[in-house]
PDB file of all heavy atoms in Angstrom:
ATOM      1  N   ARG A   1       2.583   7.169  -4.558  1.00  0.00           N
ATOM      2  CA  ARG A   1       2.824   8.155  -3.503  1.00  0.00           C
ATOM      3  C   ARG A   1       3.364   7.502  -2.230  1.00  0.00           C
ATOM      4  O   ARG A   1       4.269   8.028  -1.585  1.00  0.00           O
ATOM      5  CB  ARG A   1       1.534   8.920  -3.178  1.00  0.00           C
ATOM      6  CG  ARG A   1       1.777  10.156  -2.326  1.00  0.00           C
ATOM      7  CD  ARG A   1       0.485  10.867  -1.946  1.00  0.00           C
ATOM      8  NE  ARG A   1       0.759  12.193  -1.433  1.00  0.00           N
ATOM      9  CZ  ARG A   1       1.325  12.470  -0.249  1.00  0.00           C
ATOM     10  NH1 ARG A   1       1.694  11.455   0.551  1.00  0.00           N
ATOM     11  NH2 ARG A   1       1.534  13.713   0.121  1.00  0.00           N
ATOM     12  N   ASP A   2       2.805   6.329  -1.885  1.00  0.00           N
ATOM     13  CA  ASP A   2       3.289   5.624  -0.695  1.00  0.00           C
ATOM     14  C   ASP A   2       4.749   5.199  -0.866  1.00  0.00           C
ATOM     15  O   ASP A   2       5.548   5.272   0.073  1.00  0.00           O
ATOM     16  CB  ASP A   2       2.417   4.397  -0.416  1.00  0.00           C
ATOM     17  CG  ASP A   2       1.035   4.775   0.123  1.00  0.00           C
ATOM     18  OD1 ASP A   2       0.891   5.930   0.580  1.00  0.00           O
ATOM     19  OD2 ASP A   2       0.114   3.933   0.071  1.00  0.00           O
ATOM     20  N   LEU A   3       5.086   4.746  -2.073  1.00  0.00           N
ATOM     21  CA  LEU A   3       6.473   4.370  -2.355  1.00  0.00           C
ATOM     22  C   LEU A   3       7.388   5.587  -2.256  1.00  0.00           C
ATOM     23  O   LEU A   3       8.467   5.521  -1.653  1.00  0.00           O
ATOM     24  CB  LEU A   3       6.578   3.742  -3.755  1.00  0.00           C
ATOM     25  CG  LEU A   3       8.000   3.480  -4.280  1.00  0.00           C
ATOM     26  CD1 LEU A   3       8.761   2.534  -3.353  1.00  0.00           C
ATOM     27  CD2 LEU A   3       7.951   2.899  -5.700  1.00  0.00           C
ATOM     28  N   ALA A   4       6.941   6.716  -2.835  1.00  0.00           N
ATOM     29  CA  ALA A   4       7.740   7.943  -2.800  1.00  0.00           C
ATOM     30  C   ALA A   4       7.934   8.428  -1.364  1.00  0.00           C
ATOM     31  O   ALA A   4       9.029   8.895  -0.991  1.00  0.00           O
ATOM     32  CB  ALA A   4       7.065   9.027  -3.635  1.00  0.00           C
ATOM     33  N   ASP A   5       6.890   8.327  -0.535  1.00  0.00           N
ATOM     34  CA  ASP A   5       6.964   8.755   0.854  1.00  0.00           C
ATOM     35  C   ASP A   5       7.994   7.935   1.627  1.00  0.00           C
ATOM     36  O   ASP A   5       8.835   8.466   2.356  1.00  0.00           O
ATOM     37  CB  ASP A   5       5.588   8.624   1.501  1.00  0.00           C
ATOM     38  CG  ASP A   5       5.599   9.093   2.959  1.00  0.00           C
ATOM     39  OD1 ASP A   5       5.711  10.310   3.183  1.00  0.00           O
ATOM     40  OD2 ASP A   5       5.513   8.222   3.850  1.00  0.00           O
ATOM     41  N   ALA A   6       7.957   6.613   1.444  1.00  0.00           N
ATOM     42  CA  ALA A   6       8.904   5.730   2.134  1.00  0.00           C
ATOM     43  C   ALA A   6      10.328   5.947   1.617  1.00  0.00           C
ATOM     44  O   ALA A   6      11.297   5.955   2.388  1.00  0.00           O
ATOM     45  CB  ALA A   6       8.489   4.270   1.939  1.00  0.00           C
ATOM     46  N   ALA A   7      10.435   6.124   0.306  1.00  0.00           N
ATOM     47  CA  ALA A   7      11.755   6.337  -0.290  1.00  0.00           C
ATOM     48  C   ALA A   7      12.380   7.625   0.228  1.00  0.00           C
ATOM     49  O   ALA A   7      13.585   7.681   0.529  1.00  0.00           O
ATOM     50  CB  ALA A   7      11.633   6.382  -1.811  1.00  0.00           C
ATOM     51  N   GLN A   8      11.575   8.671   0.359  1.00  0.00           N
ATOM     52  CA  GLN A   8      12.103   9.940   0.862  1.00  0.00           C
ATOM     53  C   GLN A   8      12.540   9.820   2.312  1.00  0.00           C
ATOM     54  O   GLN A   8      13.605  10.300   2.699  1.00  0.00           O
ATOM     55  CB  GLN A   8      11.069  11.054   0.719  1.00  0.00           C
ATOM     56  CG  GLN A   8      11.647  12.431   1.045  1.00  0.00           C
ATOM     57  CD  GLN A   8      10.588  13.503   1.162  1.00  0.00           C
ATOM     58  OE1 GLN A   8       9.750  13.445   2.071  1.00  0.00           O
ATOM     59  NE2 GLN A   8      10.615  14.480   0.262  1.00  0.00           N
ATOM     60  N   LEU A   9      11.711   9.164   3.145  1.00  0.00           N
ATOM     61  CA  LEU A   9      12.060   8.982   4.553  1.00  0.00           C
ATOM     62  C   LEU A   9      13.393   8.236   4.699  1.00  0.00           C
ATOM     63  O   LEU A   9      14.236   8.595   5.518  1.00  0.00           O
ATOM     64  CB  LEU A   9      10.950   8.213   5.273  1.00  0.00           C
ATOM     65  CG  LEU A   9       9.722   9.029   5.702  1.00  0.00           C
ATOM     66  CD1 LEU A   9       8.595   8.109   6.132  1.00  0.00           C
ATOM     67  CD2 LEU A   9      10.090   9.994   6.831  1.00  0.00           C
ATOM     68  N   SER A  10      13.598   7.207   3.876  1.00  0.00           N
ATOM     69  CA  SER A  10      14.828   6.414   3.967  1.00  0.00           C
ATOM     70  C   SER A  10      16.045   7.168   3.434  1.00  0.00           C
ATOM     71  O   SER A  10      17.177   6.744   3.661  1.00  0.00           O
ATOM     72  CB  SER A  10      14.669   5.104   3.191  1.00  0.00           C
ATOM     73  OG  SER A  10      14.538   5.362   1.805  1.00  0.00           O
ATOM     74  N   SER A  11      15.809   8.298   2.750  1.00  0.00           N
ATOM     75  CA  SER A  11      16.911   9.038   2.120  1.00  0.00           C
ATOM     76  C   SER A  11      17.205  10.373   2.789  1.00  0.00           C
ATOM     77  O   SER A  11      18.111  11.093   2.361  1.00  0.00           O
ATOM     78  CB  SER A  11      16.576   9.294   0.637  1.00  0.00           C
ATOM     79  OG  SER A  11      16.327   8.088  -0.042  1.00  0.00           O
ATOM     80  N   LEU A  12      16.458  10.732   3.826  1.00  0.00           N
ATOM     81  CA  LEU A  12      16.630  12.050   4.437  1.00  0.00           C
ATOM     82  C   LEU A  12      18.025  12.254   5.020  1.00  0.00           C
ATOM     83  O   LEU A  12      18.538  13.377   5.044  1.00  0.00           O
ATOM     84  CB  LEU A  12      15.567  12.264   5.525  1.00  0.00           C
ATOM     85  CG  LEU A  12      14.136  12.487   5.022  1.00  0.00           C
ATOM     86  CD1 LEU A  12      13.151  12.521   6.186  1.00  0.00           C
ATOM     87  CD2 LEU A  12      14.053  13.786   4.211  1.00  0.00           C
ATOM     88  N   ALA A  13      18.628  11.176   5.487  1.00  0.00           N
ATOM     89  CA  ALA A  13      19.973  11.301   6.069  1.00  0.00           C
ATOM     90  C   ALA A  13      21.055  10.890   5.077  1.00  0.00           C
ATOM     91  O   ALA A  13      22.238  10.868   5.417  1.00  0.00           O
ATOM     92  CB  ALA A  13      20.082  10.454   7.331  1.00  0.00           C
ATOM     93  N   ASP A  14      20.630  10.565   3.859  1.00  0.00           N
ATOM     94  CA  ASP A  14      21.578  10.137   2.821  1.00  0.00           C
ATOM     95  C   ASP A  14      22.158  11.370   2.134  1.00  0.00           C
ATOM     96  O   ASP A  14      21.466  12.063   1.390  1.00  0.00           O
ATOM     97  CB  ASP A  14      20.841   9.247   1.811  1.00  0.00           C
ATOM     98  CG  ASP A  14      21.791   8.600   0.813  1.00  0.00           C
ATOM     99  OD1 ASP A  14      22.957   9.028   0.741  1.00  0.00           O
ATOM    100  OD2 ASP A  14      21.356   7.669   0.112  1.00  0.00           O
ATOM    101  N   GLU A  15      23.461  11.660   2.370  1.00  0.00           N
ATOM    102  CA  GLU A  15      24.078  12.871   1.830  1.00  0.00           C
ATOM    103  C   GLU A  15      24.661  12.688   0.433  1.00  0.00           C
ATOM    104  O   GLU A  15      25.280  13.599  -0.110  1.00  0.00           O
ATOM    105  CB  GLU A  15      25.181  13.358   2.781  1.00  0.00           C
ATOM    106  CG  GLU A  15      24.665  13.943   4.085  1.00  0.00           C
ATOM    107  CD  GLU A  15      23.748  15.136   3.849  1.00  0.00           C
ATOM    108  OE1 GLU A  15      24.055  15.962   2.967  1.00  0.00           O
ATOM    109  OE2 GLU A  15      22.719  15.236   4.535  1.00  0.00           O
ATOM    110  N   THR A  16      24.485  11.491  -0.136  1.00  0.00           N
ATOM    111  CA  THR A  16      24.982  11.290  -1.498  1.00  0.00           C
ATOM    112  C   THR A  16      24.086  12.028  -2.490  1.00  0.00           C
ATOM    113  O   THR A  16      22.941  12.374  -2.187  1.00  0.00           O
ATOM    114  CB  THR A  16      25.008   9.799  -1.870  1.00  0.00           C
ATOM    115  OG1 THR A  16      23.665   9.303  -1.890  1.00  0.00           O
ATOM    116  CG2 THR A  16      25.842   9.007  -0.870  1.00  0.00           C
ATOM    117  N   ALA A  17      24.622  12.255  -3.704  1.00  0.00           N
ATOM    118  CA  ALA A  17      23.830  12.932  -4.738  1.00  0.00           C
ATOM    119  C   ALA A  17      22.588  12.122  -5.088  1.00  0.00           C
ATOM    120  O   ALA A  17      21.518  12.678  -5.340  1.00  0.00           O
ATOM    121  CB  ALA A  17      24.692  13.141  -5.983  1.00  0.00           C
ATOM    122  N   GLU A  18      22.720  10.779  -5.086  1.00  0.00           N
ATOM    123  CA  GLU A  18      21.574   9.924  -5.391  1.00  0.00           C
ATOM    124  C   GLU A  18      20.492  10.068  -4.315  1.00  0.00           C
ATOM    125  O   GLU A  18      19.300  10.167  -4.618  1.00  0.00           O
ATOM    126  CB  GLU A  18      22.014   8.450  -5.497  1.00  0.00           C
ATOM    127  CG  GLU A  18      22.870   8.147  -6.710  1.00  0.00           C
ATOM    128  CD  GLU A  18      24.339   8.431  -6.471  1.00  0.00           C
ATOM    129  OE1 GLU A  18      24.677   9.007  -5.406  1.00  0.00           O
ATOM    130  OE2 GLU A  18      25.153   8.102  -7.351  1.00  0.00           O
ATOM    131  N   GLY A  19      20.926  10.065  -3.036  1.00  0.00           N
ATOM    132  CA  GLY A  19      19.975  10.213  -1.936  1.00  0.00           C
ATOM    133  C   GLY A  19      19.239  11.532  -1.996  1.00  0.00           C
ATOM    134  O   GLY A  19      18.007  11.592  -1.801  1.00  0.00           O
ATOM    135  N   ARG A  20      19.976  12.606  -2.271  1.00  0.00           N
ATOM    136  CA  ARG A  20      19.341  13.939  -2.364  1.00  0.00           C
ATOM    137  C   ARG A  20      18.346  13.992  -3.521  1.00  0.00           C
ATOM    138  O   ARG A  20      17.309  14.648  -3.442  1.00  0.00           O
ATOM    139  CB  ARG A  20      20.414  15.017  -2.511  1.00  0.00           C
ATOM    140  CG  ARG A  20      21.243  15.236  -1.251  1.00  0.00           C
ATOM    141  CD  ARG A  20      22.025  16.541  -1.325  1.00  0.00           C
ATOM    142  NE  ARG A  20      23.080  16.484  -2.317  1.00  0.00           N
ATOM    143  CZ  ARG A  20      24.344  16.122  -2.059  1.00  0.00           C
ATOM    144  NH1 ARG A  20      24.682  15.744  -0.828  1.00  0.00           N
ATOM    145  NH2 ARG A  20      25.255  16.111  -3.004  1.00  0.00           N
ATOM    146  N   SER A  21      18.670  13.291  -4.621  1.00  0.00           N
ATOM    147  CA  SER A  21      17.773  13.326  -5.788  1.00  0.00           C
ATOM    148  C   SER A  21      16.462  12.597  -5.496  1.00  0.00           C
ATOM    149  O   SER A  21      15.408  12.960  -6.027  1.00  0.00           O
ATOM    150  CB  SER A  21      18.461  12.701  -7.009  1.00  0.00           C
ATOM    151  OG  SER A  21      18.564  11.298  -6.897  1.00  0.00           O
ATOM    152  N   ILE A  22      16.494  11.571  -4.628  1.00  0.00           N
ATOM    153  CA  ILE A  22      15.262  10.853  -4.240  1.00  0.00           C
ATOM    154  C   ILE A  22      14.359  11.783  -3.429  1.00  0.00           C
ATOM    155  O   ILE A  22      13.140  11.851  -3.648  1.00  0.00           O
ATOM    156  CB  ILE A  22      15.610   9.589  -3.432  1.00  0.00           C
ATOM    157  CG1 ILE A  22      16.335   8.581  -4.325  1.00  0.00           C
ATOM    158  CG2 ILE A  22      14.347   8.967  -2.833  1.00  0.00           C
ATOM    159  CD1 ILE A  22      16.924   7.396  -3.575  1.00  0.00           C
ATOM    160  N   VAL A  23      14.962  12.528  -2.508  1.00  0.00           N
ATOM    161  CA  VAL A  23      14.207  13.482  -1.692  1.00  0.00           C
ATOM    162  C   VAL A  23      13.558  14.537  -2.578  1.00  0.00           C
ATOM    163  O   VAL A  23      12.377  14.880  -2.423  1.00  0.00           O
ATOM    164  CB  VAL A  23      15.134  14.151  -0.644  1.00  0.00           C
ATOM    165  CG1 VAL A  23      14.386  15.255   0.098  1.00  0.00           C
ATOM    166  CG2 VAL A  23      15.663  13.112   0.342  1.00  0.00           C
ATOM    167  N   VAL A  24      14.314  15.045  -3.536  1.00  0.00           N
ATOM    168  CA  VAL A  24      13.818  16.094  -4.430  1.00  0.00           C
ATOM    169  C   VAL A  24      12.702  15.574  -5.324  1.00  0.00           C
ATOM    170  O   VAL A  24      11.682  16.250  -5.538  1.00  0.00           O
ATOM    171  CB  VAL A  24      14.981  16.649  -5.289  1.00  0.00           C
ATOM    172  CG1 VAL A  24      14.455  17.565  -6.394  1.00  0.00           C
ATOM    173  CG2 VAL A  24      15.974  17.401  -4.417  1.00  0.00           C
ATOM    174  N   LEU A  25      12.864  14.351  -5.861  1.00  0.00           N
ATOM    175  CA  LEU A  25      11.844  13.791  -6.752  1.00  0.00           C
ATOM    176  C   LEU A  25      10.516  13.602  -6.019  1.00  0.00           C
ATOM    177  O   LEU A  25       9.444  13.911  -6.560  1.00  0.00           O
ATOM    178  CB  LEU A  25      12.328  12.458  -7.335  1.00  0.00           C
ATOM    179  CG  LEU A  25      11.381  11.783  -8.331  1.00  0.00           C
ATOM    180  CD1 LEU A  25      11.175  12.661  -9.564  1.00  0.00           C
ATOM    181  CD2 LEU A  25      11.901  10.400  -8.741  1.00  0.00           C
ATOM    182  N   ALA A  26      10.572  13.112  -4.771  1.00  0.00           N
ATOM    183  CA  ALA A  26       9.340  12.934  -3.983  1.00  0.00           C
ATOM    184  C   ALA A  26       8.672  14.275  -3.707  1.00  0.00           C
ATOM    185  O   ALA A  26       7.441  14.396  -3.722  1.00  0.00           O
ATOM    186  CB  ALA A  26       9.664  12.221  -2.671  1.00  0.00           C
ATOM    187  N   LYS A  27       9.484  15.293  -3.483  1.00  0.00           N
ATOM    188  CA  LYS A  27       8.957  16.637  -3.220  1.00  0.00           C
ATOM    189  C   LYS A  27       8.306  17.213  -4.476  1.00  0.00           C
ATOM    190  O   LYS A  27       7.222  17.804  -4.433  1.00  0.00           O
ATOM    191  CB  LYS A  27      10.103  17.537  -2.748  1.00  0.00           C
ATOM    192  CG  LYS A  27       9.661  18.913  -2.274  1.00  0.00           C
ATOM    193  CD  LYS A  27      10.868  19.780  -1.930  1.00  0.00           C
ATOM    194  CE  LYS A  27      11.657  19.199  -0.782  1.00  0.00           C
ATOM    195  NZ  LYS A  27      12.785  20.084  -0.385  1.00  0.00           N
ATOM    196  N   GLU A  28       8.957  17.018  -5.630  1.00  0.00           N
ATOM    197  CA  GLU A  28       8.445  17.577  -6.882  1.00  0.00           C
ATOM    198  C   GLU A  28       7.165  16.887  -7.344  1.00  0.00           C
ATOM    199  O   GLU A  28       6.240  17.526  -7.842  1.00  0.00           O
ATOM    200  CB  GLU A  28       9.520  17.469  -7.969  1.00  0.00           C
ATOM    201  CG  GLU A  28      10.694  18.417  -7.768  1.00  0.00           C
ATOM    202  CD  GLU A  28      11.769  18.220  -8.818  1.00  0.00           C
ATOM    203  OE1 GLU A  28      11.701  17.198  -9.548  1.00  0.00           O
ATOM    204  OE2 GLU A  28      12.686  19.068  -8.902  1.00  0.00           O
ATOM    205  N   LYS A  29       7.100  15.551  -7.189  1.00  0.00           N
ATOM    206  CA  LYS A  29       5.956  14.802  -7.709  1.00  0.00           C
ATOM    207  C   LYS A  29       4.740  14.842  -6.781  1.00  0.00           C
ATOM    208  O   LYS A  29       3.597  14.898  -7.237  1.00  0.00           O
ATOM    209  CB  LYS A  29       6.358  13.342  -7.968  1.00  0.00           C
ATOM    210  CG  LYS A  29       7.356  13.173  -9.104  1.00  0.00           C
ATOM    211  CD  LYS A  29       7.404  11.742  -9.604  1.00  0.00           C
ATOM    212  CE  LYS A  29       6.160  11.395 -10.403  1.00  0.00           C
ATOM    213  NZ  LYS A  29       6.270  10.088 -11.081  1.00  0.00           N
ATOM    214  N   PHE A  30       4.996  14.795  -5.472  1.00  0.00           N
ATOM    215  CA  PHE A  30       3.869  14.678  -4.540  1.00  0.00           C
ATOM    216  C   PHE A  30       3.884  15.736  -3.439  1.00  0.00           C
ATOM    217  O   PHE A  30       3.096  15.656  -2.496  1.00  0.00           O
ATOM    218  CB  PHE A  30       3.862  13.277  -3.909  1.00  0.00           C
ATOM    219  CG  PHE A  30       3.759  12.172  -4.913  1.00  0.00           C
ATOM    220  CD1 PHE A  30       4.874  11.415  -5.242  1.00  0.00           C
ATOM    221  CD2 PHE A  30       2.561  11.902  -5.550  1.00  0.00           C
ATOM    222  CE1 PHE A  30       4.792  10.387  -6.173  1.00  0.00           C
ATOM    223  CE2 PHE A  30       2.466  10.875  -6.483  1.00  0.00           C
ATOM    224  CZ  PHE A  30       3.582  10.119  -6.802  1.00  0.00           C
ATOM    225  N   ASP A  31       4.776  16.707  -3.569  1.00  0.00           N
ATOM    226  CA  ASP A  31       4.876  17.790  -2.587  1.00  0.00           C
ATOM    227  C   ASP A  31       5.091  17.251  -1.169  1.00  0.00           C
ATOM    228  O   ASP A  31       4.548  17.771  -0.196  1.00  0.00           O
ATOM    229  CB  ASP A  31       3.626  18.679  -2.633  1.00  0.00           C
ATOM    230  CG  ASP A  31       3.868  20.026  -1.930  1.00  0.00           C
ATOM    231  OD1 ASP A  31       5.032  20.495  -1.952  1.00  0.00           O
ATOM    232  OD2 ASP A  31       2.920  20.575  -1.353  1.00  0.00           O
ATOM    233  N   ILE A  32       5.863  16.173  -1.060  1.00  0.00           N
ATOM    234  CA  ILE A  32       6.177  15.590   0.248  1.00  0.00           C
ATOM    235  C   ILE A  32       7.351  16.352   0.839  1.00  0.00           C
ATOM    236  O   ILE A  32       8.441  16.382   0.260  1.00  0.00           O
ATOM    237  CB  ILE A  32       6.525  14.091   0.122  1.00  0.00           C
ATOM    238  CG1 ILE A  32       5.364  13.349  -0.539  1.00  0.00           C
ATOM    239  CG2 ILE A  32       6.852  13.488   1.484  1.00  0.00           C
ATOM    240  CD1 ILE A  32       5.667  11.886  -0.841  1.00  0.00           C
ATOM    241  N   ARG A  33       7.142  16.987   1.972  1.00  0.00           N
ATOM    242  CA  ARG A  33       8.145  17.863   2.568  1.00  0.00           C
ATOM    243  C   ARG A  33       8.902  17.167   3.688  1.00  0.00           C
ATOM    244  O   ARG A  33       8.593  16.037   4.086  1.00  0.00           O
ATOM    245  CB  ARG A  33       7.464  19.127   3.115  1.00  0.00           C
ATOM    246  CG  ARG A  33       6.720  19.918   2.051  1.00  0.00           C
ATOM    247  CD  ARG A  33       7.676  20.655   1.133  1.00  0.00           C
ATOM    248  NE  ARG A  33       7.012  21.237  -0.024  1.00  0.00           N
ATOM    249  CZ  ARG A  33       7.637  22.007  -0.907  1.00  0.00           C
ATOM    250  NH1 ARG A  33       8.909  22.293  -0.744  1.00  0.00           N
ATOM    251  NH2 ARG A  33       6.982  22.493  -1.943  1.00  0.00           N
ATOM    252  N   ALA A  34       9.870  17.878   4.253  1.00  0.00           N
ATOM    253  CA  ALA A  34      10.685  17.347   5.345  1.00  0.00           C
ATOM    254  C   ALA A  34       9.837  17.072   6.580  1.00  0.00           C
ATOM    255  O   ALA A  34       8.791  17.696   6.787  1.00  0.00           O
ATOM    256  CB  ALA A  34      11.808  18.325   5.671  1.00  0.00           C
ATOM    257  N   ARG A  35      10.306  16.140   7.424  1.00  0.00           N
ATOM    258  CA  ARG A  35       9.566  15.750   8.621  1.00  0.00           C
ATOM    259  C   ARG A  35      10.247  16.306   9.879  1.00  0.00           C
ATOM    260  O   ARG A  35      11.400  16.737   9.846  1.00  0.00           O
ATOM    261  CB  ARG A  35       9.504  14.224   8.752  1.00  0.00           C
ATOM    262  CG  ARG A  35       9.359  13.483   7.429  1.00  0.00           C
ATOM    263  CD  ARG A  35       8.125  13.899   6.631  1.00  0.00           C
ATOM    264  NE  ARG A  35       8.143  13.356   5.279  1.00  0.00           N
ATOM    265  CZ  ARG A  35       7.616  12.197   4.940  1.00  0.00           C
ATOM    266  NH1 ARG A  35       7.027  11.451   5.855  1.00  0.00           N
ATOM    267  NH2 ARG A  35       7.668  11.781   3.697  1.00  0.00           N
ATOM    268  N   ASN A  36       9.498  16.230  10.979  1.00  0.00           N
ATOM    269  CA  ASN A  36      10.038  16.622  12.275  1.00  0.00           C
ATOM    270  C   ASN A  36      10.659  15.377  12.913  1.00  0.00           C
ATOM    271  O   ASN A  36       9.965  14.493  13.408  1.00  0.00           O
ATOM    272  CB  ASN A  36       8.930  17.185  13.171  1.00  0.00           C
ATOM    273  CG  ASN A  36       9.491  17.786  14.458  1.00  0.00           C
ATOM    274  OD1 ASN A  36      10.420  17.250  15.051  1.00  0.00           O
ATOM    275  ND2 ASN A  36       8.907  18.908  14.874  1.00  0.00           N
ATOM    276  N   PHE A  37      11.998  15.323  12.881  1.00  0.00           N
ATOM    277  CA  PHE A  37      12.687  14.128  13.359  1.00  0.00           C
ATOM    278  C   PHE A  37      12.498  13.893  14.858  1.00  0.00           C
ATOM    279  O   PHE A  37      12.462  12.758  15.325  1.00  0.00           O
ATOM    280  CB  PHE A  37      14.185  14.213  13.034  1.00  0.00           C
ATOM    281  CG  PHE A  37      14.469  14.253  11.561  1.00  0.00           C
ATOM    282  CD1 PHE A  37      15.507  15.013  11.054  1.00  0.00           C
ATOM    283  CD2 PHE A  37      13.687  13.515  10.678  1.00  0.00           C
ATOM    284  CE1 PHE A  37      15.776  15.036   9.700  1.00  0.00           C
ATOM    285  CE2 PHE A  37      13.949  13.529   9.316  1.00  0.00           C
ATOM    286  CZ  PHE A  37      14.986  14.299   8.819  1.00  0.00           C
ATOM    287  N   LYS A  38      12.374  14.983  15.607  1.00  0.00           N
ATOM    288  CA  LYS A  38      12.196  14.832  17.061  1.00  0.00           C
ATOM    289  C   LYS A  38      10.861  14.153  17.373  1.00  0.00           C
ATOM    290  O   LYS A  38      10.767  13.288  18.233  1.00  0.00           O
ATOM    291  CB  LYS A  38      12.280  16.189  17.737  1.00  0.00           C
ATOM    292  CG  LYS A  38      13.692  16.775  17.763  1.00  0.00           C
ATOM    293  CD  LYS A  38      13.731  18.081  18.532  1.00  0.00           C
ATOM    294  CE  LYS A  38      15.152  18.647  18.589  1.00  0.00           C
ATOM    295  NZ  LYS A  38      15.202  19.929  19.337  1.00  0.00           N
ATOM    296  N   GLU A  39       9.827  14.575  16.667  1.00  0.00           N
ATOM    297  CA  GLU A  39       8.510  13.966  16.883  1.00  0.00           C
ATOM    298  C   GLU A  39       8.497  12.503  16.431  1.00  0.00           C
ATOM    299  O   GLU A  39       7.864  11.649  17.044  1.00  0.00           O
ATOM    300  CB  GLU A  39       7.439  14.746  16.119  1.00  0.00           C
ATOM    301  CG  GLU A  39       7.144  16.124  16.699  1.00  0.00           C
ATOM    302  CD  GLU A  39       6.037  16.833  15.932  1.00  0.00           C
ATOM    303  OE1 GLU A  39       5.469  16.208  15.009  1.00  0.00           O
ATOM    304  OE2 GLU A  39       5.746  18.001  16.257  1.00  0.00           O
ATOM    305  N   LEU A  40       9.214  12.236  15.347  1.00  0.00           N
ATOM    306  CA  LEU A  40       9.246  10.872  14.818  1.00  0.00           C
ATOM    307  C   LEU A  40      10.117   9.952  15.662  1.00  0.00           C
ATOM    308  O   LEU A  40       9.976   8.730  15.603  1.00  0.00           O
ATOM    309  CB  LEU A  40       9.788  10.884  13.377  1.00  0.00           C
ATOM    310  CG  LEU A  40       8.914  11.534  12.301  1.00  0.00           C
ATOM    311  CD1 LEU A  40       9.637  11.558  10.967  1.00  0.00           C
ATOM    312  CD2 LEU A  40       7.594  10.787  12.156  1.00  0.00           C
ATOM    313  N   GLU A  41      11.016  10.553  16.458  1.00  0.00           N
ATOM    314  CA  GLU A  41      12.005   9.784  17.221  1.00  0.00           C
ATOM    315  C   GLU A  41      12.746   8.834  16.280  1.00  0.00           C
ATOM    316  O   GLU A  41      12.862   7.620  16.507  1.00  0.00           O
ATOM    317  CB  GLU A  41      11.328   8.994  18.347  1.00  0.00           C
ATOM    318  CG  GLU A  41      10.647   9.893  19.380  1.00  0.00           C
ATOM    319  CD  GLU A  41       9.939   9.088  20.463  1.00  0.00           C
ATOM    320  OE1 GLU A  41       9.915   7.842  20.347  1.00  0.00           O
ATOM    321  OE2 GLU A  41       9.433   9.705  21.420  1.00  0.00           O
ATOM    322  N   ALA A  42      13.219   9.423  15.174  1.00  0.00           N
ATOM    323  CA  ALA A  42      13.812   8.625  14.097  1.00  0.00           C
ATOM    324  C   ALA A  42      15.231   8.183  14.423  1.00  0.00           C
ATOM    325  O   ALA A  42      16.010   8.908  15.041  1.00  0.00           O
ATOM    326  CB  ALA A  42      13.818   9.434  12.805  1.00  0.00           C
ATOM    327  N   ASN A  43      15.537   6.976  13.954  1.00  0.00           N
ATOM    328  CA  ASN A  43      16.893   6.433  14.036  1.00  0.00           C
ATOM    329  C   ASN A  43      17.319   6.061  12.616  1.00  0.00           C
ATOM    330  O   ASN A  43      16.740   5.148  12.003  1.00  0.00           O
ATOM    331  CB  ASN A  43      16.912   5.200  14.945  1.00  0.00           C
ATOM    332  CG  ASN A  43      18.303   4.561  14.974  1.00  0.00           C
ATOM    333  OD1 ASN A  43      19.320   5.258  14.961  1.00  0.00           O
ATOM    334  ND2 ASN A  43      18.331   3.236  14.992  1.00  0.00           N
ATOM    335  N   PHE A  44      18.305   6.792  12.086  1.00  0.00           N
ATOM    336  CA  PHE A  44      18.716   6.560  10.701  1.00  0.00           C
ATOM    337  C   PHE A  44      19.742   5.435  10.621  1.00  0.00           C
ATOM    338  O   PHE A  44      20.676   5.351  11.422  1.00  0.00           O
ATOM    339  CB  PHE A  44      19.293   7.834  10.090  1.00  0.00           C
ATOM    340  CG  PHE A  44      18.254   8.899   9.865  1.00  0.00           C
ATOM    341  CD1 PHE A  44      18.137   9.975  10.730  1.00  0.00           C
ATOM    342  CD2 PHE A  44      17.368   8.807   8.798  1.00  0.00           C
ATOM    343  CE1 PHE A  44      17.173  10.951  10.542  1.00  0.00           C
ATOM    344  CE2 PHE A  44      16.402   9.778   8.599  1.00  0.00           C
ATOM    345  CZ  PHE A  44      16.300  10.853   9.469  1.00  0.00           C
ATOM    346  N   ILE A  45      19.566   4.583   9.655  1.00  0.00           N
ATOM    347  CA  ILE A  45      20.478   3.460   9.414  1.00  0.00           C
ATOM    348  C   ILE A  45      21.379   3.842   8.234  1.00  0.00           C
ATOM    349  O   ILE A  45      20.901   3.970   7.098  1.00  0.00           O
ATOM    350  CB  ILE A  45      19.708   2.161   9.081  1.00  0.00           C
ATOM    351  CG1 ILE A  45      18.592   1.922  10.104  1.00  0.00           C
ATOM    352  CG2 ILE A  45      20.673   0.996   8.984  1.00  0.00           C
ATOM    353  CD1 ILE A  45      19.076   1.763  11.527  1.00  0.00           C
TER     354      ILE A  45
END
């Protein structure tokens, strides 16, 4: 679950089909949903 959580966070800004599939897999397996980027003060690489 920790791996899936980190993988999803690193893929939220990834618009490739592979990136989207990582987000979906984490959501399906562990019900990990989207985050509030403003609260996180996230900077995507």
